[in-house]
N, C-alpha and C. Protein backbone atom coordinates (compact mmCIF):
# COMPACT_ATOMS: atom_id res chain seq x y z
N MET A 1 10.42 23.32 -8.68
CA MET A 1 9.45 22.94 -7.67
C MET A 1 9.51 21.42 -7.47
N LYS A 2 9.44 21.01 -6.21
CA LYS A 2 9.40 19.58 -5.92
C LYS A 2 8.07 19.02 -6.40
N LYS A 3 8.08 17.75 -6.74
CA LYS A 3 6.86 17.13 -7.22
C LYS A 3 6.01 16.57 -6.09
N PHE A 4 6.60 16.36 -4.90
CA PHE A 4 5.83 15.86 -3.76
C PHE A 4 6.35 16.48 -2.48
N ILE A 5 5.48 17.18 -1.80
CA ILE A 5 5.76 17.75 -0.48
C ILE A 5 4.53 17.50 0.37
N ILE A 6 4.74 17.06 1.59
CA ILE A 6 3.63 16.92 2.52
C ILE A 6 4.05 17.48 3.86
N ASP A 7 3.15 18.25 4.46
CA ASP A 7 3.45 18.85 5.75
C ASP A 7 2.17 18.93 6.56
N VAL A 8 2.31 19.33 7.80
CA VAL A 8 1.17 19.45 8.70
C VAL A 8 1.37 20.65 9.60
N THR A 9 0.29 21.34 9.85
CA THR A 9 0.30 22.46 10.79
C THR A 9 -0.82 22.23 11.80
N GLU A 10 -0.81 23.03 12.82
CA GLU A 10 -1.90 22.99 13.81
C GLU A 10 -2.10 21.59 14.38
N LEU A 11 -1.05 20.97 14.86
CA LEU A 11 -1.17 19.64 15.47
C LEU A 11 -1.97 19.72 16.76
N TYR A 12 -2.85 18.74 16.96
CA TYR A 12 -3.70 18.74 18.15
C TYR A 12 -4.31 17.36 18.36
N TRP A 13 -4.81 17.15 19.56
CA TRP A 13 -5.57 15.94 19.89
C TRP A 13 -7.03 16.24 19.65
N ILE A 14 -7.87 15.25 19.58
CA ILE A 14 -9.26 15.42 19.15
C ILE A 14 -10.03 16.43 19.99
N ASN A 15 -9.67 16.60 21.27
CA ASN A 15 -10.35 17.57 22.12
C ASN A 15 -9.86 18.99 21.87
N GLY A 16 -8.90 19.15 20.97
CA GLY A 16 -8.38 20.47 20.63
C GLY A 16 -7.18 20.89 21.45
N ASP A 17 -6.84 20.11 22.47
CA ASP A 17 -5.71 20.45 23.33
C ASP A 17 -4.39 20.12 22.65
N MET A 18 -3.33 20.73 23.16
CA MET A 18 -1.98 20.47 22.66
C MET A 18 -1.41 19.18 23.25
N ASP A 19 -2.00 18.69 24.34
CA ASP A 19 -1.56 17.46 24.98
C ASP A 19 -2.77 16.75 25.56
N ASP A 20 -2.84 15.45 25.38
CA ASP A 20 -3.91 14.64 25.94
C ASP A 20 -3.39 13.22 26.09
N PRO A 21 -3.04 12.81 27.31
CA PRO A 21 -2.45 11.48 27.50
C PRO A 21 -3.39 10.32 27.18
N GLU A 22 -4.67 10.59 27.01
CA GLU A 22 -5.61 9.50 26.72
C GLU A 22 -5.96 9.37 25.24
N ASP A 23 -5.65 10.36 24.44
CA ASP A 23 -5.94 10.32 23.00
C ASP A 23 -4.74 9.70 22.29
N LEU A 24 -4.97 8.67 21.50
CA LEU A 24 -3.89 7.96 20.83
C LEU A 24 -3.65 8.43 19.41
N CYS A 25 -4.60 9.18 18.82
CA CYS A 25 -4.52 9.59 17.41
C CYS A 25 -4.31 11.09 17.30
N LEU A 26 -3.22 11.47 16.65
CA LEU A 26 -2.89 12.88 16.47
C LEU A 26 -3.58 13.43 15.22
N HIS A 27 -4.08 14.63 15.34
CA HIS A 27 -4.78 15.31 14.25
C HIS A 27 -4.01 16.56 13.85
N GLY A 28 -4.33 17.08 12.67
CA GLY A 28 -3.70 18.30 12.21
C GLY A 28 -4.19 18.68 10.84
N HIS A 29 -3.74 19.82 10.38
CA HIS A 29 -4.09 20.31 9.06
C HIS A 29 -2.97 19.88 8.10
N ALA A 30 -3.24 18.86 7.30
CA ALA A 30 -2.25 18.32 6.36
C ALA A 30 -2.37 19.02 5.02
N VAL A 31 -1.21 19.29 4.43
CA VAL A 31 -1.15 19.90 3.10
C VAL A 31 -0.16 19.08 2.27
N ALA A 32 -0.64 18.56 1.14
CA ALA A 32 0.21 17.79 0.24
C ALA A 32 0.24 18.49 -1.12
N TYR A 33 1.43 18.65 -1.65
CA TYR A 33 1.62 19.17 -3.01
C TYR A 33 2.07 18.00 -3.86
N ILE A 34 1.29 17.68 -4.86
CA ILE A 34 1.62 16.61 -5.79
C ILE A 34 1.59 17.23 -7.18
N GLY A 35 2.79 17.32 -7.78
CA GLY A 35 2.89 18.07 -9.02
C GLY A 35 2.47 19.51 -8.75
N GLY A 36 1.58 20.04 -9.55
CA GLY A 36 1.09 21.40 -9.35
C GLY A 36 -0.18 21.47 -8.52
N GLU A 37 -0.63 20.35 -7.99
CA GLU A 37 -1.89 20.30 -7.22
C GLU A 37 -1.62 20.45 -5.72
N LYS A 38 -2.52 21.15 -5.06
CA LYS A 38 -2.44 21.32 -3.60
C LYS A 38 -3.66 20.62 -2.99
N LEU A 39 -3.40 19.68 -2.10
CA LEU A 39 -4.47 18.96 -1.40
C LEU A 39 -4.32 19.30 0.09
N GLU A 40 -5.42 19.71 0.73
CA GLU A 40 -5.33 19.97 2.16
C GLU A 40 -6.59 19.50 2.86
N TYR A 41 -6.37 19.04 4.10
CA TYR A 41 -7.47 18.42 4.83
C TYR A 41 -7.11 18.34 6.31
N ASP A 42 -8.08 18.60 7.15
CA ASP A 42 -7.91 18.36 8.59
C ASP A 42 -8.13 16.88 8.81
N CYS A 43 -7.09 16.19 9.23
CA CYS A 43 -7.16 14.73 9.26
C CYS A 43 -6.42 14.13 10.44
N THR A 44 -6.46 12.81 10.51
CA THR A 44 -5.72 12.05 11.51
C THR A 44 -4.32 11.84 10.95
N VAL A 45 -3.41 12.73 11.31
CA VAL A 45 -2.07 12.73 10.71
C VAL A 45 -1.20 11.58 11.19
N SER A 46 -1.51 11.00 12.34
CA SER A 46 -0.76 9.82 12.77
C SER A 46 -1.03 8.66 11.81
N ALA A 47 -2.28 8.52 11.39
CA ALA A 47 -2.62 7.48 10.40
C ALA A 47 -1.98 7.82 9.06
N THR A 48 -2.03 9.08 8.65
CA THR A 48 -1.40 9.48 7.39
C THR A 48 0.07 9.08 7.37
N ALA A 49 0.78 9.36 8.46
CA ALA A 49 2.21 9.04 8.51
C ALA A 49 2.44 7.54 8.36
N LEU A 50 1.64 6.73 9.04
CA LEU A 50 1.82 5.28 8.91
C LEU A 50 1.48 4.83 7.49
N TYR A 51 0.42 5.36 6.91
CA TYR A 51 0.06 4.98 5.54
C TYR A 51 1.18 5.37 4.57
N LEU A 52 1.77 6.54 4.76
CA LEU A 52 2.89 6.95 3.91
C LEU A 52 4.07 6.00 4.08
N LEU A 53 4.37 5.63 5.32
CA LEU A 53 5.46 4.67 5.55
C LEU A 53 5.20 3.35 4.84
N LYS A 54 3.95 2.91 4.83
CA LYS A 54 3.61 1.67 4.13
C LYS A 54 3.88 1.79 2.63
N THR A 55 3.65 3.00 2.08
CA THR A 55 3.84 3.17 0.63
C THR A 55 5.30 3.16 0.20
N LEU A 56 6.21 3.12 1.16
CA LEU A 56 7.62 3.02 0.78
C LEU A 56 7.94 1.65 0.20
N THR A 57 7.12 0.65 0.55
CA THR A 57 7.38 -0.71 0.05
C THR A 57 6.16 -1.34 -0.61
N GLU A 58 5.00 -0.71 -0.48
CA GLU A 58 3.76 -1.28 -1.01
C GLU A 58 3.03 -0.25 -1.86
N ASP A 59 2.37 -0.73 -2.89
CA ASP A 59 1.50 0.15 -3.67
C ASP A 59 0.24 0.47 -2.85
N HIS A 60 -0.32 1.62 -3.12
CA HIS A 60 -1.61 2.01 -2.52
C HIS A 60 -2.49 2.48 -3.68
N ILE A 61 -3.64 1.86 -3.83
CA ILE A 61 -4.54 2.19 -4.93
C ILE A 61 -5.70 3.03 -4.38
N ILE A 62 -5.94 4.14 -5.02
CA ILE A 62 -6.97 5.09 -4.57
C ILE A 62 -8.31 4.39 -4.37
N HIS A 63 -8.95 4.71 -3.28
CA HIS A 63 -10.30 4.24 -2.91
C HIS A 63 -10.42 2.73 -2.69
N GLU A 64 -9.29 2.01 -2.61
CA GLU A 64 -9.38 0.57 -2.35
C GLU A 64 -9.21 0.24 -0.87
N ASP A 65 -8.74 1.18 -0.10
CA ASP A 65 -8.49 0.94 1.32
C ASP A 65 -8.69 2.26 2.04
N ASN A 66 -7.81 2.58 2.92
CA ASN A 66 -7.84 3.84 3.65
C ASN A 66 -7.55 5.01 2.71
N GLN A 67 -7.87 6.20 3.17
CA GLN A 67 -7.48 7.41 2.45
C GLN A 67 -6.11 7.85 2.96
N MET A 68 -5.31 8.44 2.11
CA MET A 68 -4.00 8.90 2.53
C MET A 68 -4.12 10.04 3.55
N LEU A 69 -5.14 10.86 3.43
CA LEU A 69 -5.45 11.89 4.43
C LEU A 69 -6.81 11.54 5.01
N PRO A 70 -6.85 10.64 6.02
CA PRO A 70 -8.13 10.15 6.53
C PRO A 70 -8.76 11.09 7.55
N CYS A 71 -10.05 11.19 7.48
CA CYS A 71 -10.80 11.98 8.46
C CYS A 71 -10.52 11.47 9.86
N CYS A 72 -10.63 10.17 10.04
CA CYS A 72 -10.56 9.62 11.40
C CYS A 72 -9.96 8.23 11.39
N GLY A 73 -9.72 7.76 12.59
CA GLY A 73 -9.29 6.39 12.82
C GLY A 73 -9.92 5.95 14.12
N HIS A 74 -11.04 5.29 14.03
CA HIS A 74 -11.80 4.95 15.23
C HIS A 74 -11.06 3.99 16.14
N PHE A 75 -10.41 2.99 15.55
CA PHE A 75 -9.63 2.08 16.38
C PHE A 75 -8.63 1.32 15.53
N TYR A 76 -7.63 0.77 16.23
CA TYR A 76 -6.58 -0.02 15.60
C TYR A 76 -6.94 -1.49 15.71
N ILE A 77 -6.75 -2.23 14.62
CA ILE A 77 -6.96 -3.67 14.62
C ILE A 77 -5.59 -4.33 14.44
N PRO A 78 -5.03 -4.89 15.53
CA PRO A 78 -3.70 -5.47 15.44
C PRO A 78 -3.71 -6.90 14.90
N ASP A 79 -2.60 -7.30 14.30
CA ASP A 79 -2.47 -8.70 13.94
C ASP A 79 -2.04 -9.49 15.19
N ALA A 80 -1.99 -10.79 15.07
CA ALA A 80 -1.71 -11.65 16.24
C ALA A 80 -0.33 -11.42 16.84
N LYS A 81 0.64 -11.05 16.01
CA LYS A 81 2.00 -10.85 16.49
C LYS A 81 2.29 -9.41 16.91
N LEU A 82 1.28 -8.55 16.81
CA LEU A 82 1.43 -7.11 17.14
C LEU A 82 2.50 -6.44 16.28
N GLU A 83 2.56 -6.86 15.01
CA GLU A 83 3.53 -6.29 14.07
C GLU A 83 2.90 -5.33 13.07
N ASN A 84 1.61 -5.49 12.80
CA ASN A 84 0.92 -4.68 11.80
C ASN A 84 -0.47 -4.35 12.31
N ILE A 85 -1.03 -3.27 11.78
CA ILE A 85 -2.39 -2.90 12.15
C ILE A 85 -3.18 -2.48 10.93
N VAL A 86 -4.48 -2.52 11.09
CA VAL A 86 -5.42 -1.90 10.18
C VAL A 86 -6.09 -0.81 11.02
N ILE A 87 -6.19 0.38 10.47
CA ILE A 87 -6.85 1.47 11.18
C ILE A 87 -8.24 1.60 10.58
N SER A 88 -9.24 1.43 11.42
CA SER A 88 -10.63 1.52 10.97
C SER A 88 -11.12 2.95 11.15
N GLY A 89 -11.63 3.52 10.09
CA GLY A 89 -12.15 4.88 10.15
C GLY A 89 -13.38 5.00 9.28
N CYS A 90 -13.72 6.23 8.94
CA CYS A 90 -14.88 6.47 8.08
C CYS A 90 -14.42 6.58 6.63
N ASP A 91 -15.35 6.87 5.73
CA ASP A 91 -15.00 6.94 4.30
C ASP A 91 -14.71 8.37 3.83
N LYS A 92 -14.48 9.28 4.77
CA LYS A 92 -14.17 10.67 4.39
C LYS A 92 -12.66 10.87 4.41
N GLY A 93 -12.19 11.69 3.51
CA GLY A 93 -10.77 12.00 3.44
C GLY A 93 -10.35 12.28 2.01
N ILE A 94 -9.06 12.41 1.81
CA ILE A 94 -8.48 12.64 0.49
C ILE A 94 -7.53 11.49 0.19
N ASP A 95 -7.59 11.00 -1.03
CA ASP A 95 -6.80 9.83 -1.39
C ASP A 95 -6.08 10.04 -2.71
N TRP A 96 -5.04 9.27 -2.92
CA TRP A 96 -4.33 9.20 -4.19
C TRP A 96 -3.66 7.85 -4.28
N THR A 97 -3.24 7.50 -5.48
CA THR A 97 -2.56 6.23 -5.73
C THR A 97 -1.06 6.42 -5.63
N VAL A 98 -0.38 5.41 -5.08
CA VAL A 98 1.08 5.36 -5.05
C VAL A 98 1.46 4.01 -5.64
N ARG A 99 2.15 4.04 -6.77
CA ARG A 99 2.61 2.80 -7.43
C ARG A 99 4.13 2.85 -7.58
N HIS A 100 4.74 1.70 -7.38
CA HIS A 100 6.19 1.59 -7.53
C HIS A 100 6.51 1.16 -8.96
N ASN A 101 7.54 1.79 -9.52
CA ASN A 101 8.00 1.47 -10.87
C ASN A 101 9.53 1.54 -10.84
N GLY A 102 10.17 0.42 -10.56
CA GLY A 102 11.63 0.40 -10.45
C GLY A 102 12.09 1.27 -9.30
N SER A 103 12.95 2.23 -9.58
CA SER A 103 13.47 3.12 -8.54
C SER A 103 12.65 4.41 -8.41
N ASN A 104 11.42 4.39 -8.91
CA ASN A 104 10.53 5.54 -8.84
C ASN A 104 9.20 5.16 -8.21
N VAL A 105 8.47 6.16 -7.77
CA VAL A 105 7.07 5.99 -7.41
C VAL A 105 6.26 6.92 -8.30
N ILE A 106 5.06 6.47 -8.64
CA ILE A 106 4.15 7.27 -9.45
C ILE A 106 2.95 7.59 -8.58
N LEU A 107 2.69 8.88 -8.42
CA LEU A 107 1.54 9.35 -7.65
C LEU A 107 0.47 9.79 -8.62
N THR A 108 -0.75 9.29 -8.43
CA THR A 108 -1.86 9.61 -9.32
C THR A 108 -3.03 10.12 -8.50
N LEU A 109 -3.50 11.30 -8.85
CA LEU A 109 -4.63 11.91 -8.15
C LEU A 109 -5.94 11.51 -8.80
N GLU A 110 -7.00 11.77 -8.09
CA GLU A 110 -8.34 11.45 -8.57
C GLU A 110 -8.65 12.16 -9.90
N ASN A 111 -8.10 13.36 -10.09
CA ASN A 111 -8.36 14.12 -11.31
C ASN A 111 -7.48 13.70 -12.48
N GLY A 112 -6.65 12.66 -12.27
CA GLY A 112 -5.80 12.16 -13.34
C GLY A 112 -4.38 12.70 -13.32
N THR A 113 -4.11 13.74 -12.53
CA THR A 113 -2.75 14.25 -12.41
C THR A 113 -1.83 13.12 -11.98
N GLU A 114 -0.70 13.00 -12.68
CA GLU A 114 0.24 11.93 -12.38
C GLU A 114 1.65 12.50 -12.36
N VAL A 115 2.41 12.18 -11.33
CA VAL A 115 3.80 12.61 -11.25
C VAL A 115 4.67 11.41 -10.87
N THR A 116 5.88 11.42 -11.41
CA THR A 116 6.86 10.39 -11.10
C THR A 116 7.97 11.01 -10.28
N ILE A 117 8.32 10.32 -9.19
CA ILE A 117 9.31 10.83 -8.25
C ILE A 117 10.31 9.71 -7.96
N PRO A 118 11.59 10.04 -7.90
CA PRO A 118 12.54 9.01 -7.48
C PRO A 118 12.18 8.51 -6.08
N LEU A 119 12.21 7.20 -5.89
CA LEU A 119 11.87 6.61 -4.60
C LEU A 119 12.72 7.20 -3.48
N LYS A 120 13.98 7.48 -3.76
CA LYS A 120 14.86 8.06 -2.73
C LYS A 120 14.32 9.40 -2.24
N LYS A 121 13.90 10.26 -3.14
CA LYS A 121 13.36 11.57 -2.75
C LYS A 121 12.01 11.41 -2.05
N TYR A 122 11.18 10.51 -2.53
CA TYR A 122 9.89 10.24 -1.90
C TYR A 122 10.10 9.75 -0.47
N ARG A 123 11.04 8.83 -0.29
CA ARG A 123 11.35 8.29 1.03
C ARG A 123 11.79 9.41 1.98
N GLN A 124 12.63 10.31 1.51
CA GLN A 124 13.09 11.42 2.35
C GLN A 124 11.91 12.27 2.82
N GLU A 125 10.97 12.54 1.93
CA GLU A 125 9.82 13.38 2.30
C GLU A 125 8.89 12.64 3.27
N VAL A 126 8.69 11.36 3.04
CA VAL A 126 7.86 10.56 3.95
C VAL A 126 8.50 10.50 5.33
N TYR A 127 9.81 10.26 5.39
CA TYR A 127 10.50 10.21 6.68
C TYR A 127 10.41 11.56 7.40
N ARG A 128 10.57 12.65 6.66
CA ARG A 128 10.50 13.98 7.28
C ARG A 128 9.13 14.19 7.92
N PHE A 129 8.07 13.82 7.21
CA PHE A 129 6.71 13.96 7.72
C PHE A 129 6.49 13.05 8.94
N ALA A 130 6.86 11.78 8.81
CA ALA A 130 6.66 10.82 9.91
C ALA A 130 7.45 11.24 11.15
N ASP A 131 8.67 11.72 10.95
CA ASP A 131 9.48 12.15 12.10
C ASP A 131 8.84 13.35 12.80
N LYS A 132 8.24 14.24 12.04
CA LYS A 132 7.57 15.40 12.64
C LYS A 132 6.41 14.93 13.53
N ILE A 133 5.66 13.96 13.06
CA ILE A 133 4.54 13.43 13.84
C ILE A 133 5.06 12.72 15.08
N GLU A 134 6.05 11.86 14.93
CA GLU A 134 6.58 11.14 16.09
C GLU A 134 7.17 12.09 17.12
N ASN A 135 7.85 13.13 16.66
CA ASN A 135 8.43 14.09 17.59
C ASN A 135 7.35 14.81 18.39
N TYR A 136 6.19 15.04 17.78
CA TYR A 136 5.11 15.65 18.53
C TYR A 136 4.63 14.71 19.63
N TYR A 137 4.47 13.44 19.30
CA TYR A 137 4.10 12.46 20.33
C TYR A 137 5.10 12.51 21.48
N LYS A 138 6.40 12.53 21.15
CA LYS A 138 7.45 12.53 22.16
C LYS A 138 7.42 13.78 23.03
N SER A 139 6.92 14.90 22.48
CA SER A 139 6.88 16.15 23.24
C SER A 139 5.70 16.20 24.21
N CYS A 140 4.80 15.26 24.09
CA CYS A 140 3.60 15.22 24.93
C CYS A 140 3.77 14.24 26.09
N SER A 141 2.82 14.27 27.00
CA SER A 141 2.81 13.34 28.13
C SER A 141 2.73 11.91 27.62
N PRO A 142 3.30 10.96 28.37
CA PRO A 142 3.16 9.55 27.98
C PRO A 142 1.68 9.17 27.89
N LYS A 143 1.38 8.28 26.96
CA LYS A 143 -0.01 7.84 26.77
C LYS A 143 -0.45 6.90 27.89
N LYS A 144 -1.68 7.08 28.32
CA LYS A 144 -2.31 6.18 29.28
C LYS A 144 -3.07 5.14 28.46
N LEU A 145 -2.52 3.95 28.37
CA LEU A 145 -3.12 2.93 27.53
C LEU A 145 -4.31 2.28 28.23
N SER A 146 -5.26 1.93 27.43
CA SER A 146 -6.47 1.28 27.92
C SER A 146 -6.16 -0.07 28.56
N GLU A 147 -6.95 -0.44 29.53
CA GLU A 147 -6.82 -1.77 30.11
C GLU A 147 -7.45 -2.83 29.21
N ASP A 148 -8.24 -2.39 28.23
CA ASP A 148 -8.83 -3.30 27.26
C ASP A 148 -7.71 -3.85 26.38
N LYS A 149 -7.56 -5.17 26.33
CA LYS A 149 -6.47 -5.81 25.61
C LYS A 149 -6.45 -5.44 24.12
N PHE A 150 -7.62 -5.41 23.49
CA PHE A 150 -7.70 -5.08 22.07
C PHE A 150 -7.17 -3.67 21.81
N ASP A 151 -7.63 -2.71 22.58
CA ASP A 151 -7.18 -1.32 22.40
C ASP A 151 -5.69 -1.17 22.71
N HIS A 152 -5.27 -1.78 23.80
CA HIS A 152 -3.87 -1.73 24.21
C HIS A 152 -2.97 -2.33 23.12
N ASP A 153 -3.33 -3.54 22.66
CA ASP A 153 -2.52 -4.21 21.64
C ASP A 153 -2.51 -3.44 20.32
N GLY A 154 -3.62 -2.81 20.00
CA GLY A 154 -3.66 -2.02 18.77
C GLY A 154 -2.66 -0.88 18.78
N TYR A 155 -2.56 -0.19 19.91
CA TYR A 155 -1.62 0.93 20.01
C TYR A 155 -0.18 0.42 19.97
N ILE A 156 0.09 -0.68 20.64
CA ILE A 156 1.44 -1.27 20.61
C ILE A 156 1.79 -1.68 19.18
N ALA A 157 0.86 -2.33 18.50
CA ALA A 157 1.11 -2.76 17.12
C ALA A 157 1.33 -1.56 16.19
N PHE A 158 0.60 -0.47 16.43
CA PHE A 158 0.77 0.76 15.63
C PHE A 158 2.24 1.19 15.66
N TRP A 159 2.79 1.33 16.85
CA TRP A 159 4.17 1.79 16.97
C TRP A 159 5.17 0.72 16.54
N ASN A 160 4.86 -0.55 16.73
CA ASN A 160 5.75 -1.60 16.24
C ASN A 160 5.87 -1.53 14.72
N GLU A 161 4.71 -1.39 14.05
CA GLU A 161 4.75 -1.30 12.59
C GLU A 161 5.45 -0.02 12.15
N TRP A 162 5.12 1.08 12.81
CA TRP A 162 5.73 2.38 12.49
C TRP A 162 7.25 2.27 12.54
N HIS A 163 7.79 1.81 13.66
CA HIS A 163 9.24 1.78 13.84
C HIS A 163 9.91 0.78 12.90
N ARG A 164 9.27 -0.35 12.64
CA ARG A 164 9.84 -1.30 11.70
C ARG A 164 9.94 -0.66 10.31
N ARG A 165 8.89 0.01 9.89
CA ARG A 165 8.91 0.62 8.56
C ARG A 165 9.83 1.84 8.51
N ARG A 166 9.84 2.63 9.56
CA ARG A 166 10.68 3.84 9.58
C ARG A 166 12.16 3.49 9.63
N ASN A 167 12.50 2.42 10.32
CA ASN A 167 13.90 2.07 10.51
C ASN A 167 14.40 1.02 9.53
N ALA A 168 13.59 0.71 8.52
CA ALA A 168 13.98 -0.32 7.55
C ALA A 168 15.17 0.15 6.72
């Protein structure tokens, strides 16, 4: 059995439709297997994918920032260069720690379950999940971006960070 698998089913926009050119955040039923534990949650999977991409190069400590399976993402906060974002959401979701240790990552759950995975295998699983999310975006109508500069720039920064991390 693999030590880390993450997938999503029932992809949808917040209104429940299969396509919505005005909704920027994709939702779905995420299921993560970490060791022998199964974690599942209806969450903002576009944020999950970006958070997973971040963990390829950065540690993530449980409950110190966003949740890995976040309930929501109310808005994107872009940096000045539109290279990185912070996604602001609520405090509901499922979280775990991701720590780098040489050529491995260590995943630690709230209940203390800990598994070590080669970074190469972890990266493959993260890319598979992120690609599935991006492909869903591509299968939908182009997004109608807000005329509000903050909202517009946040969405641009989201994809800039995504593609930089995915193509690293």
